[in-house]
Amino acid sequence: RLGLERADTAEKALSVIVDLLEKYGQGGNCMESQMAFTYHNSFLLADRKEAWVLETSGKYWAAEKVEGGVRNISNQLSITTKIDREHPELKEYAKSKGWWDGEKEFDFAATYSYVNTARMTTSGGRYCEGYKLLNKHKGSITSEIMMEILRDKESGINMEGGFMTTGSMVSVLPQQPNLPCIHFFTATPDPAR
């Protein structure tokens, strides 16, 4: 929300978020119940001209400029070796922890998580299912198709139960500056409604 408030481009919003992250860190319970559950955040940032994926681990972060095709995020790190911007101490911190030897190619997701990056797009999780659904419609994605994907319960994208999807947003951002941007938000916790 602060990125939206303080920036007029996706890349400037990225800068707002990482500046705040480096200054204040992140944390807090991500559930209203008494159960303590936290995780670090990922963001899709887009404007009429470009899009970025920003993923975080504590105060450390990596950002990838989306160059084309489709891209999704979902409860795991997905930026691997294509890193366009990063925390200035990202690699040095990983070396100091023994997570990266400084020799092989740096892979953010593999270094900062337990995810096997070679299996991310083939496993059965939400990330993989979102990847499959987006690729199925690549080149012909409309706002209606995005809404359908975000309502999908079978894939786990629209979660039910203890970890429930609390909202979804679909934005149409025409490249022509004379056309308005349109944003659709769910009005209920379950996007299928």
N, C-alpha and C. Protein backbone atom coordinates (compact mmCIF):
# COMPACT_ATOMS: atom_id res chain seq x y z
N ARG A 1 0.83 -1.20 0.00
CA ARG A 1 0.00 0.00 0.00
C ARG A 1 0.86 1.25 0.00
N LEU A 2 1.98 1.20 0.71
CA LEU A 2 2.85 2.37 0.73
C LEU A 2 3.54 2.56 -0.62
N GLY A 3 3.83 1.47 -1.31
CA GLY A 3 4.38 1.57 -2.66
C GLY A 3 3.40 2.25 -3.59
N LEU A 4 2.11 1.89 -3.49
CA LEU A 4 1.09 2.54 -4.31
C LEU A 4 0.95 4.02 -3.96
N GLU A 5 1.02 4.31 -2.69
CA GLU A 5 0.84 5.69 -2.23
C GLU A 5 2.01 6.59 -2.63
N ARG A 6 3.23 6.07 -2.59
CA ARG A 6 4.41 6.92 -2.71
C ARG A 6 5.13 6.84 -4.05
N ALA A 7 4.66 6.02 -4.96
CA ALA A 7 5.37 5.84 -6.23
C ALA A 7 4.42 5.92 -7.41
N ASP A 8 4.94 6.37 -8.54
CA ASP A 8 4.10 6.43 -9.74
C ASP A 8 4.54 5.45 -10.83
N THR A 9 5.52 4.59 -10.52
CA THR A 9 5.91 3.52 -11.43
C THR A 9 6.17 2.26 -10.61
N ALA A 10 6.18 1.12 -11.28
CA ALA A 10 6.44 -0.15 -10.60
C ALA A 10 7.84 -0.16 -9.99
N GLU A 11 8.83 0.33 -10.73
CA GLU A 11 10.19 0.30 -10.20
C GLU A 11 10.35 1.24 -9.00
N LYS A 12 9.68 2.39 -9.03
CA LYS A 12 9.74 3.29 -7.87
C LYS A 12 9.04 2.65 -6.67
N ALA A 13 7.95 1.92 -6.89
CA ALA A 13 7.28 1.22 -5.79
C ALA A 13 8.21 0.16 -5.20
N LEU A 14 8.95 -0.52 -6.05
CA LEU A 14 9.93 -1.49 -5.60
C LEU A 14 10.94 -0.81 -4.67
N SER A 15 11.42 0.37 -5.07
CA SER A 15 12.38 1.11 -4.25
C SER A 15 11.77 1.52 -2.91
N VAL A 16 10.53 1.96 -2.91
CA VAL A 16 9.85 2.33 -1.66
C VAL A 16 9.81 1.12 -0.73
N ILE A 17 9.40 -0.03 -1.25
CA ILE A 17 9.24 -1.23 -0.42
C ILE A 17 10.59 -1.69 0.13
N VAL A 18 11.64 -1.74 -0.72
CA VAL A 18 12.93 -2.24 -0.21
C VAL A 18 13.57 -1.24 0.75
N ASP A 19 13.35 0.05 0.55
CA ASP A 19 13.87 1.03 1.51
C ASP A 19 13.22 0.84 2.88
N LEU A 20 11.92 0.63 2.90
CA LEU A 20 11.21 0.39 4.16
C LEU A 20 11.63 -0.94 4.78
N LEU A 21 11.79 -1.96 3.96
CA LEU A 21 12.20 -3.27 4.43
C LEU A 21 13.58 -3.20 5.08
N GLU A 22 14.52 -2.53 4.42
CA GLU A 22 15.87 -2.44 4.97
C GLU A 22 15.90 -1.61 6.25
N LYS A 23 15.03 -0.62 6.37
CA LYS A 23 15.00 0.23 7.55
C LYS A 23 14.27 -0.42 8.72
N TYR A 24 13.10 -1.04 8.45
CA TYR A 24 12.24 -1.55 9.52
C TYR A 24 12.14 -3.06 9.61
N GLY A 25 12.57 -3.78 8.59
CA GLY A 25 12.41 -5.23 8.58
C GLY A 25 10.96 -5.61 8.34
N GLN A 26 10.63 -6.85 8.63
CA GLN A 26 9.25 -7.32 8.45
C GLN A 26 8.96 -8.37 9.49
N GLY A 27 7.71 -8.67 9.65
CA GLY A 27 7.34 -9.68 10.62
C GLY A 27 5.90 -9.49 11.04
N GLY A 28 5.54 -10.19 12.07
CA GLY A 28 4.17 -10.13 12.55
C GLY A 28 3.41 -11.36 12.13
N ASN A 29 2.39 -11.66 12.88
CA ASN A 29 1.56 -12.82 12.61
C ASN A 29 0.70 -12.57 11.38
N CYS A 30 0.60 -13.53 10.50
CA CYS A 30 -0.23 -13.34 9.31
C CYS A 30 -1.58 -14.03 9.45
N MET A 31 -1.96 -14.32 10.68
CA MET A 31 -3.28 -14.88 10.94
C MET A 31 -3.89 -14.16 12.13
N GLU A 32 -5.19 -14.01 12.14
CA GLU A 32 -5.87 -13.36 13.26
C GLU A 32 -6.04 -14.28 14.45
N SER A 33 -5.87 -15.57 14.24
CA SER A 33 -6.02 -16.52 15.35
C SER A 33 -4.80 -16.43 16.28
N GLN A 34 -4.83 -17.19 17.34
CA GLN A 34 -3.73 -17.20 18.29
C GLN A 34 -2.51 -17.98 17.78
N MET A 35 -2.71 -18.77 16.72
CA MET A 35 -1.60 -19.54 16.19
C MET A 35 -0.55 -18.60 15.61
N ALA A 36 0.68 -18.77 16.03
CA ALA A 36 1.76 -17.94 15.50
C ALA A 36 2.23 -18.50 14.16
N PHE A 37 2.08 -17.72 13.12
CA PHE A 37 2.52 -18.13 11.79
C PHE A 37 2.98 -16.90 11.04
N THR A 38 4.23 -16.92 10.63
CA THR A 38 4.78 -15.79 9.88
C THR A 38 5.47 -16.30 8.63
N TYR A 39 5.59 -15.45 7.65
CA TYR A 39 6.41 -15.76 6.48
C TYR A 39 6.85 -14.44 5.86
N HIS A 40 7.80 -14.53 4.98
CA HIS A 40 8.31 -13.34 4.33
C HIS A 40 7.58 -13.13 3.01
N ASN A 41 7.57 -11.91 2.56
CA ASN A 41 6.63 -11.52 1.53
C ASN A 41 7.22 -11.48 0.12
N SER A 42 6.32 -11.64 -0.83
CA SER A 42 6.63 -11.50 -2.25
C SER A 42 5.60 -10.54 -2.84
N PHE A 43 6.01 -9.86 -3.89
CA PHE A 43 5.15 -8.85 -4.50
C PHE A 43 5.23 -8.92 -6.02
N LEU A 44 4.10 -8.73 -6.68
CA LEU A 44 4.05 -8.47 -8.11
C LEU A 44 3.76 -6.98 -8.25
N LEU A 45 4.64 -6.26 -8.92
CA LEU A 45 4.51 -4.81 -9.07
C LEU A 45 4.43 -4.51 -10.56
N ALA A 46 3.38 -3.79 -10.99
CA ALA A 46 3.21 -3.53 -12.42
C ALA A 46 2.67 -2.13 -12.64
N ASP A 47 3.08 -1.55 -13.75
CA ASP A 47 2.49 -0.31 -14.23
C ASP A 47 2.22 -0.50 -15.72
N ARG A 48 1.91 0.54 -16.42
CA ARG A 48 1.56 0.42 -17.85
C ARG A 48 2.74 -0.04 -18.71
N LYS A 49 3.96 0.15 -18.24
CA LYS A 49 5.14 -0.12 -19.07
C LYS A 49 5.98 -1.31 -18.62
N GLU A 50 5.95 -1.64 -17.34
CA GLU A 50 6.82 -2.73 -16.88
C GLU A 50 6.25 -3.42 -15.65
N ALA A 51 6.86 -4.56 -15.36
CA ALA A 51 6.45 -5.34 -14.18
C ALA A 51 7.69 -5.91 -13.51
N TRP A 52 7.59 -6.06 -12.19
CA TRP A 52 8.68 -6.60 -11.38
C TRP A 52 8.13 -7.64 -10.41
N VAL A 53 8.97 -8.61 -10.07
CA VAL A 53 8.70 -9.52 -8.96
C VAL A 53 9.73 -9.17 -7.90
N LEU A 54 9.25 -8.96 -6.68
CA LEU A 54 10.12 -8.69 -5.54
C LEU A 54 9.88 -9.77 -4.51
N GLU A 55 10.95 -10.42 -4.08
CA GLU A 55 10.84 -11.46 -3.06
C GLU A 55 11.81 -11.16 -1.93
N THR A 56 11.38 -11.48 -0.70
CA THR A 56 12.14 -11.08 0.47
C THR A 56 12.44 -12.26 1.39
N SER A 57 13.50 -12.10 2.15
CA SER A 57 13.85 -13.04 3.21
C SER A 57 14.48 -12.21 4.32
N GLY A 58 13.72 -11.94 5.37
CA GLY A 58 14.18 -11.01 6.39
C GLY A 58 14.34 -9.63 5.76
N LYS A 59 15.49 -9.01 5.97
CA LYS A 59 15.74 -7.71 5.34
C LYS A 59 16.36 -7.85 3.96
N TYR A 60 16.68 -9.07 3.57
CA TYR A 60 17.32 -9.32 2.28
C TYR A 60 16.26 -9.53 1.21
N TRP A 61 16.61 -9.18 -0.03
CA TRP A 61 15.62 -9.22 -1.09
C TRP A 61 16.30 -9.36 -2.45
N ALA A 62 15.52 -9.83 -3.41
CA ALA A 62 15.93 -9.90 -4.81
C ALA A 62 14.74 -9.49 -5.65
N ALA A 63 15.02 -8.84 -6.78
CA ALA A 63 13.95 -8.40 -7.68
C ALA A 63 14.30 -8.80 -9.10
N GLU A 64 13.27 -9.22 -9.81
CA GLU A 64 13.41 -9.63 -11.21
C GLU A 64 12.46 -8.81 -12.06
N LYS A 65 12.99 -8.20 -13.10
CA LYS A 65 12.14 -7.48 -14.05
C LYS A 65 11.51 -8.52 -14.97
N VAL A 66 10.21 -8.43 -15.12
CA VAL A 66 9.49 -9.38 -15.98
C VAL A 66 9.64 -8.89 -17.42
N GLU A 67 10.21 -9.72 -18.25
CA GLU A 67 10.51 -9.32 -19.63
C GLU A 67 9.45 -9.78 -20.63
N GLY A 68 8.54 -10.61 -20.22
CA GLY A 68 7.49 -11.09 -21.13
C GLY A 68 6.87 -12.36 -20.60
N GLY A 69 5.89 -12.86 -21.31
CA GLY A 69 5.23 -14.09 -20.91
C GLY A 69 4.34 -13.89 -19.71
N VAL A 70 4.28 -14.89 -18.86
CA VAL A 70 3.46 -14.83 -17.65
C VAL A 70 4.37 -15.06 -16.45
N ARG A 71 3.92 -14.57 -15.29
CA ARG A 71 4.72 -14.72 -14.06
C ARG A 71 3.76 -14.77 -12.89
N ASN A 72 4.05 -15.61 -11.92
CA ASN A 72 3.23 -15.68 -10.72
C ASN A 72 4.10 -15.84 -9.49
N ILE A 73 3.50 -15.60 -8.33
CA ILE A 73 4.14 -15.82 -7.04
C ILE A 73 3.14 -16.58 -6.18
N SER A 74 3.65 -17.37 -5.24
CA SER A 74 2.72 -18.07 -4.36
C SER A 74 3.46 -18.78 -3.24
N ASN A 75 3.60 -18.13 -2.12
CA ASN A 75 4.07 -18.74 -0.88
C ASN A 75 5.41 -19.48 -0.97
N GLN A 76 6.25 -19.08 -1.88
CA GLN A 76 7.60 -19.63 -1.95
C GLN A 76 8.43 -18.68 -2.79
N LEU A 77 9.73 -18.75 -2.62
CA LEU A 77 10.61 -17.94 -3.45
C LEU A 77 10.66 -18.53 -4.84
N SER A 78 10.64 -17.67 -5.85
CA SER A 78 10.66 -18.17 -7.23
C SER A 78 11.72 -17.49 -8.09
N ILE A 79 12.38 -16.45 -7.57
CA ILE A 79 13.46 -15.82 -8.32
C ILE A 79 14.68 -16.71 -8.18
N THR A 80 15.22 -17.13 -9.30
CA THR A 80 16.37 -18.04 -9.26
C THR A 80 17.65 -17.26 -9.59
N THR A 81 18.14 -17.37 -10.83
CA THR A 81 19.41 -16.74 -11.18
C THR A 81 19.26 -15.42 -11.92
N LYS A 82 18.05 -15.11 -12.40
CA LYS A 82 17.83 -13.82 -13.09
C LYS A 82 17.44 -12.79 -12.03
N ILE A 83 18.43 -12.06 -11.56
CA ILE A 83 18.22 -11.06 -10.52
C ILE A 83 18.64 -9.72 -11.11
N ASP A 84 17.69 -8.80 -11.20
CA ASP A 84 17.97 -7.49 -11.80
C ASP A 84 18.31 -6.42 -10.77
N ARG A 85 17.81 -6.58 -9.55
CA ARG A 85 18.17 -5.71 -8.43
C ARG A 85 18.21 -6.58 -7.19
N GLU A 86 19.07 -6.21 -6.24
CA GLU A 86 19.20 -7.03 -5.03
C GLU A 86 19.69 -6.20 -3.87
N HIS A 87 19.46 -6.71 -2.66
CA HIS A 87 20.01 -6.10 -1.46
C HIS A 87 21.53 -6.08 -1.63
N PRO A 88 22.19 -4.98 -1.26
CA PRO A 88 23.63 -4.90 -1.49
C PRO A 88 24.46 -5.96 -0.77
N GLU A 89 23.93 -6.56 0.29
CA GLU A 89 24.67 -7.59 1.03
C GLU A 89 24.07 -8.99 0.85
N LEU A 90 23.19 -9.15 -0.13
CA LEU A 90 22.48 -10.41 -0.33
C LEU A 90 23.42 -11.61 -0.44
N LYS A 91 24.40 -11.52 -1.33
CA LYS A 91 25.30 -12.65 -1.58
C LYS A 91 26.30 -12.82 -0.45
N GLU A 92 26.82 -11.72 0.07
CA GLU A 92 27.79 -11.79 1.17
C GLU A 92 27.17 -12.43 2.41
N TYR A 93 25.91 -12.09 2.70
CA TYR A 93 25.22 -12.68 3.85
C TYR A 93 25.05 -14.19 3.64
N ALA A 94 24.67 -14.59 2.43
CA ALA A 94 24.51 -16.02 2.14
C ALA A 94 25.85 -16.76 2.30
N LYS A 95 26.93 -16.14 1.87
CA LYS A 95 28.26 -16.75 2.05
C LYS A 95 28.61 -16.88 3.52
N SER A 96 28.31 -15.82 4.30
CA SER A 96 28.66 -15.85 5.73
C SER A 96 27.89 -16.93 6.49
N LYS A 97 26.71 -17.29 6.00
CA LYS A 97 25.89 -18.33 6.63
C LYS A 97 26.23 -19.74 6.12
N GLY A 98 27.08 -19.82 5.08
CA GLY A 98 27.42 -21.11 4.51
C GLY A 98 26.37 -21.65 3.55
N TRP A 99 25.47 -20.78 3.10
CA TRP A 99 24.41 -21.21 2.18
C TRP A 99 24.88 -21.21 0.73
N TRP A 100 25.93 -20.45 0.44
CA TRP A 100 26.44 -20.30 -0.94
C TRP A 100 27.95 -20.22 -0.86
N ASP A 101 28.62 -20.93 -1.76
CA ASP A 101 30.08 -20.99 -1.70
C ASP A 101 30.78 -19.84 -2.43
N GLY A 102 30.02 -19.00 -3.11
CA GLY A 102 30.63 -17.89 -3.84
C GLY A 102 31.20 -18.29 -5.18
N GLU A 103 31.16 -19.57 -5.49
CA GLU A 103 31.73 -20.08 -6.74
C GLU A 103 30.65 -20.36 -7.78
N LYS A 104 29.68 -21.19 -7.40
CA LYS A 104 28.64 -21.54 -8.37
C LYS A 104 27.70 -20.36 -8.58
N GLU A 105 26.92 -20.43 -9.66
CA GLU A 105 25.99 -19.35 -9.97
C GLU A 105 25.02 -19.15 -8.81
N PHE A 106 24.78 -17.90 -8.45
CA PHE A 106 23.91 -17.59 -7.32
C PHE A 106 22.45 -17.77 -7.72
N ASP A 107 21.71 -18.54 -6.94
CA ASP A 107 20.29 -18.81 -7.15
C ASP A 107 19.57 -18.39 -5.88
N PHE A 108 18.82 -17.29 -5.94
CA PHE A 108 18.18 -16.73 -4.75
C PHE A 108 17.25 -17.73 -4.08
N ALA A 109 16.33 -18.34 -4.85
CA ALA A 109 15.36 -19.27 -4.26
C ALA A 109 16.06 -20.47 -3.63
N ALA A 110 17.03 -21.02 -4.30
CA ALA A 110 17.73 -22.19 -3.77
C ALA A 110 18.57 -21.83 -2.54
N THR A 111 19.14 -20.64 -2.52
CA THR A 111 20.02 -20.23 -1.43
C THR A 111 19.25 -19.81 -0.19
N TYR A 112 18.15 -19.11 -0.37
CA TYR A 112 17.41 -18.55 0.76
C TYR A 112 16.19 -19.36 1.16
N SER A 113 16.00 -20.53 0.60
CA SER A 113 14.88 -21.38 1.00
C SER A 113 15.27 -22.84 0.83
N TYR A 114 14.34 -23.69 1.17
CA TYR A 114 14.57 -25.13 1.00
C TYR A 114 13.95 -25.65 -0.29
N VAL A 115 13.57 -24.74 -1.16
CA VAL A 115 12.89 -25.12 -2.39
C VAL A 115 13.89 -25.67 -3.40
N ASN A 116 13.54 -26.79 -4.01
CA ASN A 116 14.32 -27.32 -5.12
C ASN A 116 13.85 -26.58 -6.36
N THR A 117 14.63 -25.62 -6.83
CA THR A 117 14.16 -24.75 -7.91
C THR A 117 13.90 -25.49 -9.21
N ALA A 118 14.54 -26.61 -9.42
CA ALA A 118 14.30 -27.38 -10.64
C ALA A 118 12.90 -27.99 -10.64
N ARG A 119 12.29 -28.16 -9.45
CA ARG A 119 10.98 -28.81 -9.35
C ARG A 119 9.84 -27.83 -9.13
N MET A 120 10.13 -26.52 -9.03
CA MET A 120 9.08 -25.55 -8.68
C MET A 120 7.90 -25.59 -9.64
N THR A 121 8.15 -25.71 -10.93
CA THR A 121 7.06 -25.65 -11.90
C THR A 121 6.45 -27.02 -12.18
N THR A 122 6.95 -28.06 -11.52
CA THR A 122 6.38 -29.39 -11.74
C THR A 122 5.76 -29.99 -10.49
N SER A 123 5.96 -29.37 -9.33
CA SER A 123 5.39 -29.92 -8.10
C SER A 123 3.89 -29.64 -8.07
N GLY A 124 3.21 -30.14 -7.07
CA GLY A 124 1.75 -30.00 -7.00
C GLY A 124 1.25 -28.79 -6.25
N GLY A 125 2.10 -27.88 -5.87
CA GLY A 125 1.70 -26.75 -5.05
C GLY A 125 1.01 -25.64 -5.81
N ARG A 126 0.63 -24.60 -5.06
CA ARG A 126 -0.08 -23.45 -5.63
C ARG A 126 0.74 -22.76 -6.72
N TYR A 127 2.05 -22.61 -6.49
CA TYR A 127 2.90 -21.95 -7.48
C TYR A 127 2.83 -22.70 -8.81
N CYS A 128 3.00 -23.99 -8.74
CA CYS A 128 2.97 -24.82 -9.95
C CYS A 128 1.62 -24.75 -10.64
N GLU A 129 0.54 -24.84 -9.87
CA GLU A 129 -0.79 -24.81 -10.46
C GLU A 129 -1.07 -23.45 -11.10
N GLY A 130 -0.66 -22.37 -10.44
CA GLY A 130 -0.82 -21.04 -11.03
C GLY A 130 -0.02 -20.90 -12.32
N TYR A 131 1.19 -21.44 -12.30
CA TYR A 131 2.06 -21.42 -13.48
C TYR A 131 1.40 -22.15 -14.66
N LYS A 132 0.83 -23.33 -14.36
CA LYS A 132 0.16 -24.11 -15.40
C LYS A 132 -1.06 -23.37 -15.97
N LEU A 133 -1.90 -22.81 -15.08
CA LEU A 133 -3.10 -22.12 -15.54
C LEU A 133 -2.77 -20.88 -16.34
N LEU A 134 -1.77 -20.12 -15.92
CA LEU A 134 -1.37 -18.93 -16.67
C LEU A 134 -0.80 -19.31 -18.03
N ASN A 135 0.04 -20.35 -18.07
CA ASN A 135 0.63 -20.77 -19.34
C ASN A 135 -0.41 -21.35 -20.29
N LYS A 136 -1.44 -21.96 -19.75
CA LYS A 136 -2.53 -22.50 -20.58
C LYS A 136 -3.18 -21.38 -21.39
N HIS A 137 -3.24 -20.17 -20.83
CA HIS A 137 -3.91 -19.04 -21.47
C HIS A 137 -2.94 -17.98 -21.98
N LYS A 138 -1.64 -18.28 -21.96
CA LYS A 138 -0.63 -17.29 -22.35
C LYS A 138 -0.94 -16.72 -23.72
N GLY A 139 -0.90 -15.40 -23.82
CA GLY A 139 -1.18 -14.73 -25.08
C GLY A 139 -2.64 -14.33 -25.25
N SER A 140 -3.52 -14.89 -24.41
CA SER A 140 -4.94 -14.56 -24.54
C SER A 140 -5.60 -14.36 -23.17
N ILE A 141 -4.83 -13.88 -22.20
CA ILE A 141 -5.37 -13.69 -20.86
C ILE A 141 -6.20 -12.42 -20.82
N THR A 142 -7.43 -12.57 -20.34
CA THR A 142 -8.34 -11.44 -20.16
C THR A 142 -8.60 -11.29 -18.66
N SER A 143 -9.28 -10.22 -18.30
CA SER A 143 -9.62 -10.05 -16.88
C SER A 143 -10.54 -11.19 -16.43
N GLU A 144 -11.42 -11.65 -17.29
CA GLU A 144 -12.32 -12.75 -16.94
C GLU A 144 -11.54 -14.05 -16.69
N ILE A 145 -10.53 -14.31 -17.50
CA ILE A 145 -9.71 -15.51 -17.30
C ILE A 145 -8.93 -15.40 -15.99
N MET A 146 -8.40 -14.22 -15.69
CA MET A 146 -7.68 -14.04 -14.42
C MET A 146 -8.61 -14.27 -13.24
N MET A 147 -9.84 -13.77 -13.34
CA MET A 147 -10.80 -13.98 -12.24
C MET A 147 -11.10 -15.46 -12.08
N GLU A 148 -11.22 -16.16 -13.20
CA GLU A 148 -11.47 -17.60 -13.15
C GLU A 148 -10.31 -18.32 -12.47
N ILE A 149 -9.08 -17.95 -12.81
CA ILE A 149 -7.90 -18.57 -12.20
C ILE A 149 -7.88 -18.30 -10.70
N LEU A 150 -8.15 -17.06 -10.29
CA LEU A 150 -8.10 -16.71 -8.88
C LEU A 150 -9.24 -17.34 -8.07
N ARG A 151 -10.30 -17.78 -8.74
CA ARG A 151 -11.41 -18.46 -8.06
C ARG A 151 -11.16 -19.96 -7.92
N ASP A 152 -10.16 -20.48 -8.61
CA ASP A 152 -9.94 -21.92 -8.72
C ASP A 152 -9.59 -22.53 -7.36
N LYS A 153 -10.45 -23.39 -6.87
CA LYS A 153 -10.23 -24.05 -5.58
C LYS A 153 -9.48 -25.37 -5.73
N GLU A 154 -9.71 -26.07 -6.83
CA GLU A 154 -9.07 -27.37 -7.03
C GLU A 154 -7.55 -27.25 -7.03
N SER A 155 -7.03 -26.16 -7.60
CA SER A 155 -5.59 -25.95 -7.67
C SER A 155 -5.00 -25.49 -6.34
N GLY A 156 -5.85 -25.02 -5.44
CA GLY A 156 -5.37 -24.47 -4.19
C GLY A 156 -5.10 -22.98 -4.26
N ILE A 157 -5.29 -22.37 -5.44
CA ILE A 157 -5.08 -20.93 -5.56
C ILE A 157 -6.08 -20.19 -4.69
N ASN A 158 -7.34 -20.60 -4.72
CA ASN A 158 -8.36 -20.05 -3.83
C ASN A 158 -8.47 -21.02 -2.65
N MET A 159 -7.79 -20.69 -1.56
CA MET A 159 -7.68 -21.61 -0.43
C MET A 159 -8.89 -21.52 0.49
N GLU A 160 -9.23 -22.67 1.07
CA GLU A 160 -10.30 -22.76 2.05
C GLU A 160 -9.73 -23.36 3.32
N GLY A 161 -10.43 -23.18 4.43
CA GLY A 161 -10.00 -23.80 5.68
C GLY A 161 -9.19 -22.85 6.54
N GLY A 162 -8.20 -23.41 7.25
CA GLY A 162 -7.39 -22.64 8.18
C GLY A 162 -6.62 -21.51 7.52
N PHE A 163 -6.11 -21.76 6.34
CA PHE A 163 -5.42 -20.74 5.57
C PHE A 163 -6.31 -20.39 4.39
N MET A 164 -7.14 -19.40 4.60
CA MET A 164 -8.16 -19.04 3.61
C MET A 164 -7.69 -17.85 2.78
N THR A 165 -7.96 -17.89 1.47
CA THR A 165 -7.69 -16.74 0.63
C THR A 165 -8.56 -15.59 1.12
N THR A 166 -7.93 -14.46 1.41
CA THR A 166 -8.68 -13.34 1.99
C THR A 166 -9.08 -12.29 0.97
N GLY A 167 -8.58 -12.37 -0.23
CA GLY A 167 -8.97 -11.41 -1.25
C GLY A 167 -8.16 -11.60 -2.51
N SER A 168 -8.68 -11.09 -3.60
CA SER A 168 -7.98 -11.15 -4.88
C SER A 168 -8.19 -9.84 -5.61
N MET A 169 -7.26 -9.54 -6.50
CA MET A 169 -7.31 -8.31 -7.29
C MET A 169 -6.88 -8.62 -8.71
N VAL A 170 -7.61 -8.08 -9.66
CA VAL A 170 -7.25 -8.17 -11.07
C VAL A 170 -7.18 -6.74 -11.61
N SER A 171 -6.08 -6.41 -12.25
CA SER A 171 -5.91 -5.07 -12.81
C SER A 171 -5.70 -5.14 -14.32
N VAL A 172 -6.33 -4.22 -15.02
CA VAL A 172 -6.13 -4.06 -16.46
C VAL A 172 -5.37 -2.76 -16.62
N LEU A 173 -4.15 -2.85 -17.16
CA LEU A 173 -3.27 -1.68 -17.29
C LEU A 173 -2.93 -1.46 -18.76
N PRO A 174 -3.78 -0.76 -19.51
CA PRO A 174 -3.50 -0.54 -20.93
C PRO A 174 -2.21 0.26 -21.11
N GLN A 175 -1.45 -0.08 -22.14
CA GLN A 175 -0.21 0.66 -22.41
C GLN A 175 -0.49 2.07 -22.93
N GLN A 176 -1.66 2.26 -23.54
CA GLN A 176 -2.02 3.59 -24.05
C GLN A 176 -2.43 4.48 -22.88
N PRO A 177 -1.71 5.62 -22.68
CA PRO A 177 -1.97 6.47 -21.51
C PRO A 177 -3.35 7.14 -21.52
N ASN A 178 -4.03 7.19 -22.66
CA ASN A 178 -5.35 7.82 -22.71
C ASN A 178 -6.47 6.87 -22.25
N LEU A 179 -6.15 5.58 -22.09
CA LEU A 179 -7.15 4.62 -21.62
C LEU A 179 -7.03 4.46 -20.10
N PRO A 180 -8.15 4.34 -19.40
CA PRO A 180 -8.08 4.23 -17.94
C PRO A 180 -7.62 2.83 -17.50
N CYS A 181 -6.97 2.78 -16.36
CA CYS A 181 -6.67 1.50 -15.71
C CYS A 181 -7.91 1.08 -14.96
N ILE A 182 -8.16 -0.22 -14.93
CA ILE A 182 -9.34 -0.75 -14.26
C ILE A 182 -8.87 -1.79 -13.24
N HIS A 183 -9.41 -1.71 -12.03
CA HIS A 183 -9.02 -2.62 -10.96
C HIS A 183 -10.27 -3.29 -10.39
N PHE A 184 -10.23 -4.60 -10.31
CA PHE A 184 -11.31 -5.39 -9.73
C PHE A 184 -10.82 -5.99 -8.41
N PHE A 185 -11.60 -5.83 -7.35
CA PHE A 185 -11.28 -6.39 -6.04
C PHE A 185 -12.43 -7.26 -5.58
N THR A 186 -12.09 -8.34 -4.87
CA THR A 186 -13.17 -9.13 -4.27
C THR A 186 -13.70 -8.36 -3.07
N ALA A 187 -14.97 -8.53 -2.80
CA ALA A 187 -15.60 -7.84 -1.67
C ALA A 187 -15.84 -8.82 -0.51
N THR A 188 -15.44 -10.06 -0.69
CA THR A 188 -15.60 -11.07 0.34
C THR A 188 -14.28 -11.83 0.48
N PRO A 189 -14.10 -12.56 1.58
CA PRO A 189 -12.87 -13.33 1.74
C PRO A 189 -12.68 -14.42 0.68
N ASP A 190 -13.74 -14.96 0.15
CA ASP A 190 -13.64 -16.05 -0.82
C ASP A 190 -13.83 -15.49 -2.22
N PRO A 191 -12.77 -15.43 -3.04
CA PRO A 191 -12.91 -14.86 -4.40
C PRO A 191 -13.92 -15.60 -5.29
N ALA A 192 -14.32 -16.82 -4.92
CA ALA A 192 -15.33 -17.53 -5.71
C ALA A 192 -16.70 -16.87 -5.57
N ARG A 193 -16.89 -16.03 -4.56
CA ARG A 193 -18.16 -15.34 -4.38
C ARG A 193 -18.19 -14.07 -5.18
